[in-house]
Structure formats: C-alpha cells, structure tokens
Amino acid sequence: MNYLVPFISLLNEMSPYLLLGFLIAGVLKVFVPNDKFISHLSRSDFKSVLWSALVGVPLTLCSCGVIPTGMSLRKEGASRGATVAFLISTPQTGADSIAATYSVLGLPFALLRPVAAFITSLFGGLLVNRFDGDNSAINSDLKSSTKSDEEEYRNKNKLMRVLHYSFVEMLQDIGKWLILGILFAGLIAIFLPDSVFSTYLNNPLLNMLIVLAVAVPTYTCATGSIPMAAALMMKGLSPGAAL
C-alpha cells in the first residue's frame, strides 16, 4: 500500500486539471470558429509564436491540462511553432500562481516566473518554426479531419459535442501516454532519496542541474510547486535552484 500512495496522490492531484483541460479543448472545438485560430496562429512566423506565448502565460492550466487544449489548437490549424509555444508557456505559470508566488516568495520570484515562461516558450516555438519545413501539409490534413468531425457531429447538440470531444476523443488520443507519465512520476516519488538535494548544496550549478533533472519528469502544477520550493529553500536550497 505504501508504494500505491504516490500513484494515487498524483492521480488525485492531476485529475481536476486534466478534466478542466479536456473541457476547455471541447469548448474551443465546438464554440470558437476555426478562423479565430487560423488568422493569428496558423503561420510559421514570429507573430504567431509571440501571440501564442503571450496568451499561454496567464492561463491556469497545468502541464497535463494544457495537452488537450494544445492538441485542439493544433487541429484547428495552429502552426507547430505556435502550438509548442503555447505548450511551454501555459503550464509554467498562470494568474493564480503569479499571485501565490508573490505572497509566498516575494516580488522578484513573481516577476521572474512569467518572464522565464514567456522567453522559453518564444525560443521553443521559434526553433520549431525554424526546423519545420512541412507545416502546411500537416495543417491541411488536420483541417480535413476537422471537417469530417464536423459532419459526424452535425446532428448532435453543442453540449453533447463538447462532452464527446473532451472526454472520448481526447482520452483516446493521449490516454496511453498519460498513464505512462503517471507511472514514471510515481516511481520517481518512491525511489528518489530525499537527501539528493542536501548532498550537493555547496555547488550551485550542480545543485540546479540536479533540481532540473528531478523536476522536469515530475508532475507538479504551477501553484503546487510554490510551497515545495519554499520548503526546499528553508532547507538551504539556493533561490536560483528553487526558481
């Protein structure tokens, strides 16, 4: 039972954010016209990445909840670069986590978090656009798929279309990978020693690399990471590693 607790706790923590992300994806699919995305996010240029990164920073979606929303954007015609920028910027921070960061860690942290999220998402989106040479063909395939979906749902009311897309199609698309991610994160929580941080506190660079190696594959939402960072700083973790 002790080994099952991390998996159950992780699933309980993720579930509301995942359901919210699925629901937002369904609402976007049904209620927002395709041209709203196509006109701003469809081109593989700087402007589309910029808009996507800016929109993603204040949104309150975790790294799991953002996946169905990002997939919905992509299917509606957003470019790969814009989609990647959205996937990077959104889970790093949000309006609630910025306020919570200010209350717990102070103004510098509250300012640096959204700035870091914006810069890294902009860089990631531009890199994807730079090395993506066949974006239009993929978008055309996705649009034809979207048209067939619209024909399939033509006789259903909008609420049923939202629920079907959110909790049937999206789960079919990412369910397998979601389960694998939960298993991997749970194994880290079980087998990673608590002393791994304190052992290398005297080397700031190595300390940051260790924190990154642990944090990247571990699920913690933007707001949930704040008390963890504060607790680690009280144990001697440097502010840079905590950020």
Foldseek 3Di string as FASTA:
>chain_A
DVLCVLLVVVCVVCVVLQLVLLLLLLCCLQPPDLVVLCVQFQDLDLRNLLVLLVVQQAAFHALNSLVSNLVSSVLSRGFPLSSQLNSQRNQQHHNVLLVLCCVQPNDVVSVVSNVVSSVVSSVSSNVCSVPDDPRVVVNVVSPVVSVVLCVVCVPPDSVVSSCCSRPPVVCVVCVVVVVVLSVVQSVCVPPPDPCPQVVPLVPLVVSLVVLCVNPPSHGDTNNRLNVVLSVVVVVPRDPVSSD
